[in-house]
Amino acid sequence: MKITELRLRKLFSAKTKADSTGSQYSTAVASKAEKERVGIIGQHLTAPLEGFPAKAPQVQARTRPPITTHVLDVSRGSPAAGIEVRLEMWKSSQPRPSFGETDIGGWVLEGCSTTDRDGRSGQLMSIVDALSPGVYRISFNTGKYNPGGFFPYVSIVFEIKDTQKFEHFHVPLLLSPFSFSTYRGS
């Protein structure tokens, strides 16, 4: 989108310059340049559609687990190595965990690992093409990493819908002794 916006801005600025000078030469050059730019933009916008007009998007085989994470220590400005990480999935008679209710053993361990020197966890689950939809929880043993910190551990709970089962979910943790943040990465 940004490239298209820049190309259109350049296209219209060339046209405005040609109109203001009134010169036939600059108008002809601008007109030729306009046609070339519009053609390029048109090719750019329609390129993904060519060759695949009636085909559904192909799902490629995964080369990594569908859920990954890493931890960055923002107070030090470096990856956080040596943090224990657990990935769990909610499997209970209740369709999903409820906020404020006591956990009665609905979480099932999918895998665990420890972050390496780059702050990346090892494989937390098997490499599968279709991820089971549901509610997942990634927990980090931050108290062991930062004993003087405020958080003994951090748990991030997120939901994967049926329509997202072929997507990749990277859930990083940005950590400091008295705060943390997360987001869905790629």
N, C-alpha and C. Protein backbone atom coordinates (compact mmCIF):
# COMPACT_ATOMS: atom_id res chain seq x y z
N MET A 1 0.83 -1.19 0.00
CA MET A 1 0.00 0.00 0.00
C MET A 1 0.87 1.25 0.00
N LYS A 2 1.96 1.22 0.78
CA LYS A 2 2.83 2.39 0.87
C LYS A 2 3.49 2.66 -0.48
N ILE A 3 3.93 1.62 -1.15
CA ILE A 3 4.56 1.78 -2.46
C ILE A 3 3.56 2.37 -3.44
N THR A 4 2.35 1.87 -3.44
CA THR A 4 1.30 2.39 -4.32
C THR A 4 1.03 3.86 -4.02
N GLU A 5 0.96 4.20 -2.75
CA GLU A 5 0.73 5.59 -2.35
C GLU A 5 1.85 6.49 -2.86
N LEU A 6 3.10 6.07 -2.70
CA LEU A 6 4.23 6.87 -3.16
C LEU A 6 4.23 7.03 -4.68
N ARG A 7 3.90 5.95 -5.38
CA ARG A 7 3.86 6.03 -6.84
C ARG A 7 2.75 6.97 -7.32
N LEU A 8 1.60 6.90 -6.68
CA LEU A 8 0.51 7.80 -7.06
C LEU A 8 0.87 9.26 -6.76
N ARG A 9 1.50 9.50 -5.61
CA ARG A 9 1.91 10.85 -5.26
C ARG A 9 2.89 11.39 -6.31
N LYS A 10 3.84 10.55 -6.73
CA LYS A 10 4.81 10.95 -7.74
C LYS A 10 4.11 11.21 -9.08
N LEU A 11 3.16 10.36 -9.42
CA LEU A 11 2.41 10.51 -10.66
C LEU A 11 1.68 11.85 -10.70
N PHE A 12 0.96 12.17 -9.62
CA PHE A 12 0.19 13.40 -9.59
C PHE A 12 1.07 14.64 -9.47
N SER A 13 2.22 14.52 -8.82
CA SER A 13 3.11 15.69 -8.73
C SER A 13 3.71 15.98 -10.10
N ALA A 14 4.02 14.94 -10.91
CA ALA A 14 4.53 15.16 -12.27
C ALA A 14 3.46 15.82 -13.13
N LYS A 15 2.21 15.43 -12.97
CA LYS A 15 1.12 16.01 -13.75
C LYS A 15 0.92 17.47 -13.36
N THR A 16 1.00 17.79 -12.07
CA THR A 16 0.83 19.16 -11.61
C THR A 16 1.93 20.05 -12.14
N LYS A 17 3.18 19.57 -12.14
CA LYS A 17 4.30 20.35 -12.67
C LYS A 17 4.10 20.62 -14.16
N ALA A 18 3.65 19.61 -14.89
CA ALA A 18 3.45 19.77 -16.33
C ALA A 18 2.34 20.77 -16.60
N ASP A 19 1.26 20.72 -15.84
CA ASP A 19 0.15 21.64 -16.02
C ASP A 19 0.56 23.08 -15.71
N SER A 20 1.41 23.27 -14.71
CA SER A 20 1.77 24.63 -14.30
C SER A 20 2.73 25.29 -15.28
N THR A 21 3.59 24.51 -15.96
CA THR A 21 4.53 25.10 -16.91
C THR A 21 3.86 25.39 -18.25
N GLY A 22 2.91 24.59 -18.62
CA GLY A 22 2.18 24.80 -19.87
C GLY A 22 2.97 24.39 -21.09
N SER A 23 4.17 23.93 -20.93
CA SER A 23 5.02 23.55 -22.05
C SER A 23 4.50 22.26 -22.67
N GLN A 24 4.49 22.23 -24.04
CA GLN A 24 4.05 21.02 -24.72
C GLN A 24 5.03 19.89 -24.49
N TYR A 25 6.35 20.23 -24.41
CA TYR A 25 7.36 19.20 -24.21
C TYR A 25 7.18 18.55 -22.84
N SER A 26 7.03 19.35 -21.79
CA SER A 26 6.90 18.78 -20.44
C SER A 26 5.58 18.02 -20.31
N THR A 27 4.53 18.48 -21.01
CA THR A 27 3.26 17.77 -20.98
C THR A 27 3.40 16.41 -21.65
N ALA A 28 4.12 16.35 -22.77
CA ALA A 28 4.32 15.08 -23.46
C ALA A 28 5.14 14.12 -22.62
N VAL A 29 6.21 14.64 -21.95
CA VAL A 29 7.04 13.80 -21.10
C VAL A 29 6.23 13.32 -19.90
N ALA A 30 5.46 14.24 -19.31
CA ALA A 30 4.64 13.86 -18.16
C ALA A 30 3.59 12.84 -18.58
N SER A 31 3.01 13.03 -19.78
CA SER A 31 1.99 12.11 -20.25
C SER A 31 2.58 10.72 -20.44
N LYS A 32 3.77 10.64 -21.03
CA LYS A 32 4.43 9.36 -21.22
C LYS A 32 4.78 8.73 -19.87
N ALA A 33 5.31 9.55 -18.98
CA ALA A 33 5.66 9.06 -17.64
C ALA A 33 4.41 8.58 -16.89
N GLU A 34 3.32 9.35 -17.07
CA GLU A 34 2.06 8.97 -16.43
C GLU A 34 1.62 7.59 -16.89
N LYS A 35 1.63 7.38 -18.20
CA LYS A 35 1.19 6.10 -18.74
C LYS A 35 2.06 4.95 -18.22
N GLU A 36 3.38 5.18 -18.19
CA GLU A 36 4.28 4.14 -17.70
C GLU A 36 3.99 3.83 -16.23
N ARG A 37 3.85 4.88 -15.43
CA ARG A 37 3.61 4.68 -13.99
C ARG A 37 2.25 4.01 -13.74
N VAL A 38 1.23 4.44 -14.45
CA VAL A 38 -0.09 3.83 -14.28
C VAL A 38 -0.03 2.36 -14.69
N GLY A 39 0.69 2.07 -15.75
CA GLY A 39 0.84 0.68 -16.18
C GLY A 39 1.56 -0.16 -15.14
N ILE A 40 2.62 0.39 -14.57
CA ILE A 40 3.36 -0.33 -13.52
C ILE A 40 2.49 -0.55 -12.29
N ILE A 41 1.78 0.51 -11.89
CA ILE A 41 0.90 0.38 -10.73
C ILE A 41 -0.19 -0.64 -10.99
N GLY A 42 -0.76 -0.60 -12.18
CA GLY A 42 -1.80 -1.57 -12.53
C GLY A 42 -1.27 -3.00 -12.49
N GLN A 43 -0.05 -3.21 -13.01
CA GLN A 43 0.56 -4.54 -12.96
C GLN A 43 0.80 -4.96 -11.51
N HIS A 44 1.27 -4.01 -10.74
CA HIS A 44 1.56 -4.30 -9.33
C HIS A 44 0.29 -4.72 -8.58
N LEU A 45 -0.81 -4.03 -8.83
CA LEU A 45 -2.05 -4.32 -8.11
C LEU A 45 -2.71 -5.61 -8.57
N THR A 46 -2.55 -5.97 -9.83
CA THR A 46 -3.22 -7.18 -10.34
C THR A 46 -2.31 -8.39 -10.39
N ALA A 47 -1.02 -8.25 -10.12
CA ALA A 47 -0.07 -9.37 -10.22
C ALA A 47 -0.47 -10.58 -9.40
N PRO A 48 -0.88 -10.45 -8.13
CA PRO A 48 -1.21 -11.65 -7.37
C PRO A 48 -2.41 -12.41 -7.91
N LEU A 49 -3.26 -11.74 -8.67
CA LEU A 49 -4.46 -12.38 -9.18
C LEU A 49 -4.21 -13.16 -10.47
N GLU A 50 -3.16 -12.77 -11.21
CA GLU A 50 -2.89 -13.42 -12.48
C GLU A 50 -2.38 -14.83 -12.25
N GLY A 51 -2.86 -15.77 -13.01
CA GLY A 51 -2.42 -17.15 -12.92
C GLY A 51 -3.16 -17.97 -11.88
N PHE A 52 -3.87 -17.32 -10.97
CA PHE A 52 -4.59 -18.04 -9.93
C PHE A 52 -6.02 -17.50 -9.77
N PRO A 53 -6.74 -17.25 -10.88
CA PRO A 53 -8.03 -16.61 -10.71
C PRO A 53 -9.08 -17.45 -10.00
N ALA A 54 -9.05 -18.77 -10.17
CA ALA A 54 -10.12 -19.57 -9.58
C ALA A 54 -9.61 -20.49 -8.48
N LYS A 55 -8.32 -20.42 -8.15
CA LYS A 55 -7.76 -21.32 -7.16
C LYS A 55 -7.86 -20.73 -5.76
N ALA A 56 -8.10 -21.61 -4.80
CA ALA A 56 -8.09 -21.20 -3.40
C ALA A 56 -6.64 -21.11 -2.95
N PRO A 57 -6.36 -20.33 -1.93
CA PRO A 57 -4.98 -20.23 -1.46
C PRO A 57 -4.46 -21.59 -1.01
N GLN A 58 -3.21 -21.87 -1.38
CA GLN A 58 -2.60 -23.14 -1.01
C GLN A 58 -2.00 -23.03 0.39
N VAL A 59 -2.15 -24.06 1.19
CA VAL A 59 -1.57 -24.11 2.51
C VAL A 59 -0.27 -24.89 2.40
N GLN A 60 0.85 -24.26 2.74
CA GLN A 60 2.13 -24.93 2.66
C GLN A 60 2.39 -25.70 3.95
N ALA A 61 3.15 -26.78 3.82
CA ALA A 61 3.51 -27.56 4.99
C ALA A 61 4.37 -26.72 5.92
N ARG A 62 4.15 -26.86 7.20
CA ARG A 62 4.89 -26.08 8.19
C ARG A 62 6.33 -26.58 8.30
N THR A 63 7.22 -25.65 8.61
CA THR A 63 8.61 -26.00 8.86
C THR A 63 8.98 -25.74 10.32
N ARG A 64 8.03 -25.20 11.09
CA ARG A 64 8.23 -24.92 12.51
C ARG A 64 6.91 -25.12 13.23
N PRO A 65 6.94 -25.23 14.54
CA PRO A 65 5.67 -25.39 15.27
C PRO A 65 4.76 -24.19 15.06
N PRO A 66 3.45 -24.38 15.14
CA PRO A 66 2.53 -23.28 14.89
C PRO A 66 2.50 -22.22 15.99
N ILE A 67 3.00 -22.53 17.18
CA ILE A 67 3.07 -21.55 18.26
C ILE A 67 4.52 -21.45 18.72
N THR A 68 5.07 -20.24 18.67
CA THR A 68 6.44 -20.00 19.10
C THR A 68 6.49 -18.77 19.99
N THR A 69 7.62 -18.59 20.67
CA THR A 69 7.77 -17.43 21.54
C THR A 69 9.24 -17.09 21.71
N HIS A 70 9.49 -15.91 22.19
CA HIS A 70 10.82 -15.52 22.65
C HIS A 70 10.64 -14.46 23.73
N VAL A 71 11.70 -14.23 24.50
CA VAL A 71 11.63 -13.27 25.60
C VAL A 71 12.76 -12.26 25.44
N LEU A 72 12.40 -10.99 25.51
CA LEU A 72 13.38 -9.90 25.46
C LEU A 72 13.36 -9.17 26.79
N ASP A 73 14.53 -8.96 27.37
CA ASP A 73 14.67 -8.22 28.61
C ASP A 73 14.88 -6.75 28.22
N VAL A 74 13.83 -5.96 28.28
CA VAL A 74 13.91 -4.57 27.83
C VAL A 74 14.70 -3.69 28.79
N SER A 75 14.86 -4.11 30.03
CA SER A 75 15.65 -3.32 30.97
C SER A 75 17.14 -3.44 30.67
N ARG A 76 17.54 -4.54 30.08
CA ARG A 76 18.95 -4.75 29.71
C ARG A 76 19.19 -4.52 28.22
N GLY A 77 18.11 -4.52 27.47
CA GLY A 77 18.25 -4.36 26.02
C GLY A 77 18.83 -5.59 25.36
N SER A 78 18.47 -6.77 25.87
CA SER A 78 19.03 -8.01 25.31
C SER A 78 18.02 -9.15 25.46
N PRO A 79 18.26 -10.25 24.74
CA PRO A 79 17.39 -11.42 24.91
C PRO A 79 17.52 -11.97 26.33
N ALA A 80 16.46 -12.59 26.81
CA ALA A 80 16.45 -13.18 28.15
C ALA A 80 16.68 -14.68 28.02
N ALA A 81 17.87 -15.13 28.37
CA ALA A 81 18.22 -16.55 28.28
C ALA A 81 17.91 -17.25 29.59
N GLY A 82 17.55 -18.52 29.50
CA GLY A 82 17.38 -19.36 30.68
C GLY A 82 16.01 -19.29 31.35
N ILE A 83 15.01 -18.74 30.68
CA ILE A 83 13.67 -18.66 31.26
C ILE A 83 12.89 -19.92 30.88
N GLU A 84 12.32 -20.57 31.88
CA GLU A 84 11.50 -21.75 31.63
C GLU A 84 10.17 -21.29 31.02
N VAL A 85 9.72 -22.03 30.00
CA VAL A 85 8.49 -21.69 29.28
C VAL A 85 7.62 -22.95 29.20
N ARG A 86 6.31 -22.77 29.44
CA ARG A 86 5.34 -23.87 29.33
C ARG A 86 4.22 -23.44 28.39
N LEU A 87 3.80 -24.34 27.52
CA LEU A 87 2.64 -24.12 26.66
C LEU A 87 1.57 -25.12 27.06
N GLU A 88 0.38 -24.59 27.35
CA GLU A 88 -0.75 -25.45 27.74
C GLU A 88 -1.97 -25.12 26.89
N MET A 89 -2.85 -26.10 26.77
CA MET A 89 -4.12 -25.91 26.06
C MET A 89 -5.26 -26.26 27.01
N TRP A 90 -6.34 -25.49 26.91
CA TRP A 90 -7.51 -25.73 27.75
C TRP A 90 -8.30 -26.90 27.17
N LYS A 91 -8.43 -27.97 27.98
CA LYS A 91 -9.20 -29.16 27.58
C LYS A 91 -10.03 -29.55 28.79
N SER A 92 -11.28 -29.18 28.78
CA SER A 92 -12.15 -29.43 29.91
C SER A 92 -13.58 -29.58 29.42
N SER A 93 -14.47 -29.95 30.33
CA SER A 93 -15.88 -30.02 29.96
C SER A 93 -16.43 -28.62 29.69
N GLN A 94 -15.83 -27.61 30.32
CA GLN A 94 -16.18 -26.22 30.00
C GLN A 94 -15.54 -25.88 28.66
N PRO A 95 -16.23 -25.16 27.78
CA PRO A 95 -15.65 -24.85 26.48
C PRO A 95 -14.43 -23.93 26.57
N ARG A 96 -14.35 -23.14 27.64
CA ARG A 96 -13.22 -22.22 27.79
C ARG A 96 -13.09 -21.85 29.26
N PRO A 97 -11.90 -21.47 29.68
CA PRO A 97 -11.75 -21.04 31.07
C PRO A 97 -12.49 -19.73 31.29
N SER A 98 -13.02 -19.56 32.49
CA SER A 98 -13.74 -18.33 32.81
C SER A 98 -12.91 -17.46 33.73
N PHE A 99 -12.93 -16.19 33.48
CA PHE A 99 -12.20 -15.25 34.31
C PHE A 99 -12.75 -15.29 35.73
N GLY A 100 -11.87 -15.38 36.70
CA GLY A 100 -12.28 -15.33 38.10
C GLY A 100 -12.68 -16.66 38.70
N GLU A 101 -12.80 -17.71 37.90
CA GLU A 101 -13.17 -19.01 38.44
C GLU A 101 -11.91 -19.83 38.72
N THR A 102 -11.99 -20.67 39.72
CA THR A 102 -10.86 -21.51 40.09
C THR A 102 -10.61 -22.54 39.00
N ASP A 103 -9.32 -22.70 38.67
CA ASP A 103 -8.93 -23.70 37.67
C ASP A 103 -9.01 -25.09 38.31
N ILE A 104 -9.80 -25.96 37.71
CA ILE A 104 -9.99 -27.32 38.26
C ILE A 104 -9.32 -28.33 37.34
N GLY A 105 -8.13 -28.01 36.88
CA GLY A 105 -7.38 -28.97 36.07
C GLY A 105 -7.76 -29.03 34.62
N GLY A 106 -8.20 -27.93 34.03
CA GLY A 106 -8.56 -27.92 32.62
C GLY A 106 -7.37 -27.71 31.69
N TRP A 107 -6.24 -27.25 32.23
CA TRP A 107 -5.07 -26.98 31.39
C TRP A 107 -4.25 -28.25 31.22
N VAL A 108 -3.90 -28.56 29.97
CA VAL A 108 -3.11 -29.74 29.65
C VAL A 108 -1.80 -29.28 29.02
N LEU A 109 -0.69 -29.78 29.54
CA LEU A 109 0.63 -29.39 29.05
C LEU A 109 0.85 -29.89 27.63
N GLU A 110 1.20 -28.95 26.74
CA GLU A 110 1.54 -29.29 25.35
C GLU A 110 3.05 -29.49 25.22
N GLY A 111 3.80 -28.68 25.95
CA GLY A 111 5.26 -28.78 25.89
C GLY A 111 5.91 -27.74 26.77
N CYS A 112 7.21 -27.95 27.03
CA CYS A 112 7.95 -26.98 27.82
C CYS A 112 9.37 -26.89 27.28
N SER A 113 10.03 -25.80 27.60
CA SER A 113 11.35 -25.53 27.07
C SER A 113 12.01 -24.45 27.93
N THR A 114 13.22 -24.09 27.57
CA THR A 114 13.94 -22.99 28.21
C THR A 114 14.48 -22.09 27.11
N THR A 115 14.43 -20.79 27.32
CA THR A 115 14.91 -19.87 26.29
C THR A 115 16.43 -19.99 26.12
N ASP A 116 16.87 -19.88 24.88
CA ASP A 116 18.30 -19.97 24.57
C ASP A 116 18.95 -18.58 24.68
N ARG A 117 20.19 -18.44 24.24
CA ARG A 117 20.90 -17.16 24.38
C ARG A 117 20.29 -16.05 23.53
N ASP A 118 19.47 -16.43 22.53
CA ASP A 118 18.76 -15.44 21.72
C ASP A 118 17.38 -15.14 22.29
N GLY A 119 17.04 -15.73 23.42
CA GLY A 119 15.74 -15.51 24.06
C GLY A 119 14.63 -16.34 23.46
N ARG A 120 14.94 -17.22 22.53
CA ARG A 120 13.92 -18.04 21.87
C ARG A 120 13.74 -19.35 22.60
N SER A 121 12.49 -19.76 22.73
CA SER A 121 12.24 -21.05 23.37
C SER A 121 12.47 -22.16 22.36
N GLY A 122 12.70 -23.34 22.88
CA GLY A 122 12.79 -24.50 22.01
C GLY A 122 11.38 -24.86 21.55
N GLN A 123 11.25 -26.00 20.93
CA GLN A 123 9.97 -26.44 20.40
C GLN A 123 9.00 -26.74 21.54
N LEU A 124 7.87 -26.04 21.56
CA LEU A 124 6.86 -26.22 22.61
C LEU A 124 5.77 -27.20 22.22
N MET A 125 5.71 -27.53 20.95
CA MET A 125 4.70 -28.48 20.47
C MET A 125 5.18 -29.09 19.16
N SER A 126 4.50 -30.12 18.73
CA SER A 126 4.85 -30.79 17.48
C SER A 126 4.55 -29.89 16.29
N ILE A 127 5.24 -30.17 15.20
CA ILE A 127 4.95 -29.46 13.96
C ILE A 127 3.75 -30.14 13.32
N VAL A 128 2.64 -29.44 13.28
CA VAL A 128 1.40 -29.97 12.71
C VAL A 128 0.91 -28.99 11.65
N ASP A 129 0.24 -29.51 10.63
CA ASP A 129 -0.28 -28.62 9.58
C ASP A 129 -1.45 -27.80 10.09
N ALA A 130 -2.39 -28.45 10.79
CA ALA A 130 -3.58 -27.76 11.30
C ALA A 130 -3.53 -27.75 12.83
N LEU A 131 -3.50 -26.58 13.39
CA LEU A 131 -3.47 -26.40 14.83
C LEU A 131 -4.87 -26.61 15.40
N SER A 132 -4.95 -27.26 16.53
CA SER A 132 -6.26 -27.45 17.17
C SER A 132 -6.78 -26.12 17.69
N PRO A 133 -7.95 -25.69 17.25
CA PRO A 133 -8.51 -24.44 17.76
C PRO A 133 -8.79 -24.56 19.25
N GLY A 134 -8.70 -23.47 19.95
CA GLY A 134 -8.98 -23.49 21.38
C GLY A 134 -8.24 -22.39 22.12
N VAL A 135 -8.25 -22.49 23.43
CA VAL A 135 -7.60 -21.50 24.29
C VAL A 135 -6.26 -22.07 24.75
N TYR A 136 -5.21 -21.27 24.58
CA TYR A 136 -3.86 -21.67 24.95
C TYR A 136 -3.32 -20.72 26.01
N ARG A 137 -2.32 -21.23 26.76
CA ARG A 137 -1.65 -20.41 27.76
C ARG A 137 -0.16 -20.67 27.68
N ILE A 138 0.62 -19.58 27.54
CA ILE A 138 2.07 -19.68 27.62
C ILE A 138 2.46 -19.04 28.95
N SER A 139 3.23 -19.78 29.75
CA SER A 139 3.68 -19.28 31.04
C SER A 139 5.20 -19.22 31.07
N PHE A 140 5.71 -18.17 31.69
CA PHE A 140 7.14 -17.92 31.77
C PHE A 140 7.54 -17.83 33.24
N ASN A 141 8.59 -18.54 33.64
CA ASN A 141 9.07 -18.51 35.01
C ASN A 141 10.01 -17.30 35.17
N THR A 142 9.42 -16.13 35.25
CA THR A 142 10.19 -14.89 35.31
C THR A 142 10.83 -14.66 36.67
N GLY A 143 10.27 -15.24 37.73
CA GLY A 143 10.82 -15.08 39.07
C GLY A 143 12.20 -15.70 39.20
N LYS A 144 12.41 -16.81 38.55
CA LYS A 144 13.73 -17.46 38.59
C LYS A 144 14.75 -16.62 37.81
N TYR A 145 14.31 -16.03 36.70
CA TYR A 145 15.20 -15.20 35.88
C TYR A 145 15.53 -13.89 36.58
N ASN A 146 14.53 -13.29 37.22
CA ASN A 146 14.70 -11.98 37.85
C ASN A 146 14.15 -12.05 39.29
N PRO A 147 14.92 -12.63 40.24
CA PRO A 147 14.41 -12.84 41.60
C PRO A 147 13.96 -11.56 42.30
N GLY A 148 14.52 -10.43 41.98
CA GLY A 148 14.13 -9.17 42.62
C GLY A 148 12.97 -8.48 41.93
N GLY A 149 12.42 -9.11 40.91
CA GLY A 149 11.35 -8.49 40.13
C GLY A 149 9.99 -8.64 40.80
N PHE A 150 9.01 -8.01 40.22
CA PHE A 150 7.65 -7.96 40.75
C PHE A 150 6.82 -9.20 40.37
N PHE A 151 7.15 -9.85 39.26
CA PHE A 151 6.34 -10.94 38.74
C PHE A 151 7.03 -12.29 38.96
N PRO A 152 6.47 -13.17 39.81
CA PRO A 152 7.07 -14.49 39.98
C PRO A 152 6.93 -15.34 38.71
N TYR A 153 5.87 -15.14 37.99
CA TYR A 153 5.70 -15.76 36.69
C TYR A 153 4.71 -14.92 35.88
N VAL A 154 4.72 -15.12 34.56
CA VAL A 154 3.81 -14.41 33.67
C VAL A 154 3.09 -15.46 32.83
N SER A 155 1.77 -15.38 32.76
CA SER A 155 0.98 -16.26 31.90
C SER A 155 0.22 -15.42 30.89
N ILE A 156 0.27 -15.84 29.65
CA ILE A 156 -0.44 -15.17 28.57
C ILE A 156 -1.46 -16.16 28.02
N VAL A 157 -2.72 -15.79 28.08
CA VAL A 157 -3.80 -16.65 27.60
C VAL A 157 -4.33 -16.06 26.30
N PHE A 158 -4.47 -16.89 25.27
CA PHE A 158 -4.97 -16.43 23.97
C PHE A 158 -5.80 -17.52 23.33
N GLU A 159 -6.66 -17.11 22.40
CA GLU A 159 -7.56 -18.06 21.74
C GLU A 159 -7.28 -18.13 20.25
N ILE A 160 -7.28 -19.35 19.74
CA ILE A 160 -7.10 -19.59 18.31
C ILE A 160 -8.42 -20.12 17.77
N LYS A 161 -8.96 -19.42 16.80
CA LYS A 161 -10.25 -19.80 16.19
C LYS A 161 -10.04 -20.86 15.11
N ASP A 162 -11.11 -21.52 14.74
CA ASP A 162 -11.06 -22.54 13.70
C ASP A 162 -10.55 -21.97 12.38
N THR A 163 -10.91 -20.73 12.09
CA THR A 163 -10.48 -20.10 10.84
C THR A 163 -8.99 -19.75 10.85
N GLN A 164 -8.34 -19.86 12.00
CA GLN A 164 -6.92 -19.50 12.12
C GLN A 164 -6.00 -20.72 12.26
N LYS A 165 -6.52 -21.92 12.15
CA LYS A 165 -5.75 -23.12 12.47
C LYS A 165 -4.55 -23.36 11.56
N PHE A 166 -4.48 -22.69 10.41
CA PHE A 166 -3.33 -22.84 9.51
C PHE A 166 -2.33 -21.70 9.67
N GLU A 167 -2.62 -20.76 10.55
CA GLU A 167 -1.74 -19.61 10.74
C GLU A 167 -0.63 -19.92 11.74
N HIS A 168 0.38 -19.05 11.76
CA HIS A 168 1.46 -19.17 12.74
C HIS A 168 1.22 -18.13 13.83
N PHE A 169 1.47 -18.52 15.07
CA PHE A 169 1.27 -17.62 16.21
C PHE A 169 2.59 -17.48 16.96
N HIS A 170 3.15 -16.29 16.90
CA HIS A 170 4.37 -15.98 17.64
C HIS A 170 3.96 -15.04 18.76
N VAL A 171 4.15 -15.47 20.00
CA VAL A 171 3.68 -14.71 21.16
C VAL A 171 4.88 -14.35 22.02
N PRO A 172 5.55 -13.23 21.73
CA PRO A 172 6.73 -12.85 22.49
C PRO A 172 6.39 -12.17 23.81
N LEU A 173 7.36 -12.18 24.71
CA LEU A 173 7.23 -11.50 25.99
C LEU A 173 8.33 -10.46 26.08
N LEU A 174 7.94 -9.21 26.31
CA LEU A 174 8.89 -8.12 26.56
C LEU A 174 8.86 -7.89 28.06
N LEU A 175 9.99 -8.09 28.70
CA LEU A 175 10.03 -8.16 30.15
C LEU A 175 11.00 -7.16 30.76
N SER A 176 10.62 -6.61 31.90
CA SER A 176 11.52 -5.84 32.76
C SER A 176 11.13 -6.22 34.19
N PRO A 177 11.91 -5.82 35.19
CA PRO A 177 11.60 -6.25 36.55
C PRO A 177 10.20 -5.85 37.04
N PHE A 178 9.66 -4.74 36.55
CA PHE A 178 8.38 -4.28 37.07
C PHE A 178 7.30 -4.07 36.01
N SER A 179 7.52 -4.62 34.82
CA SER A 179 6.48 -4.55 33.79
C SER A 179 6.72 -5.64 32.75
N PHE A 180 5.67 -5.92 31.99
CA PHE A 180 5.81 -6.81 30.85
C PHE A 180 4.77 -6.43 29.81
N SER A 181 5.03 -6.85 28.58
CA SER A 181 4.12 -6.58 27.48
C SER A 181 4.21 -7.75 26.52
N THR A 182 3.20 -7.89 25.70
CA THR A 182 3.20 -8.95 24.68
C THR A 182 2.41 -8.48 23.48
N TYR A 183 2.50 -9.22 22.41
CA TYR A 183 1.74 -8.93 21.19
C TYR A 183 1.75 -10.18 20.34
N ARG A 184 0.90 -10.21 19.33
CA ARG A 184 0.95 -11.33 18.40
C ARG A 184 1.90 -10.96 17.27
N GLY A 185 2.99 -11.66 17.21
CA GLY A 185 3.98 -11.41 16.18
C GLY A 185 3.77 -12.34 15.00
N SER A 186 4.77 -12.40 14.15
CA SER A 186 4.68 -13.28 12.97
C SER A 186 5.93 -14.14 12.85
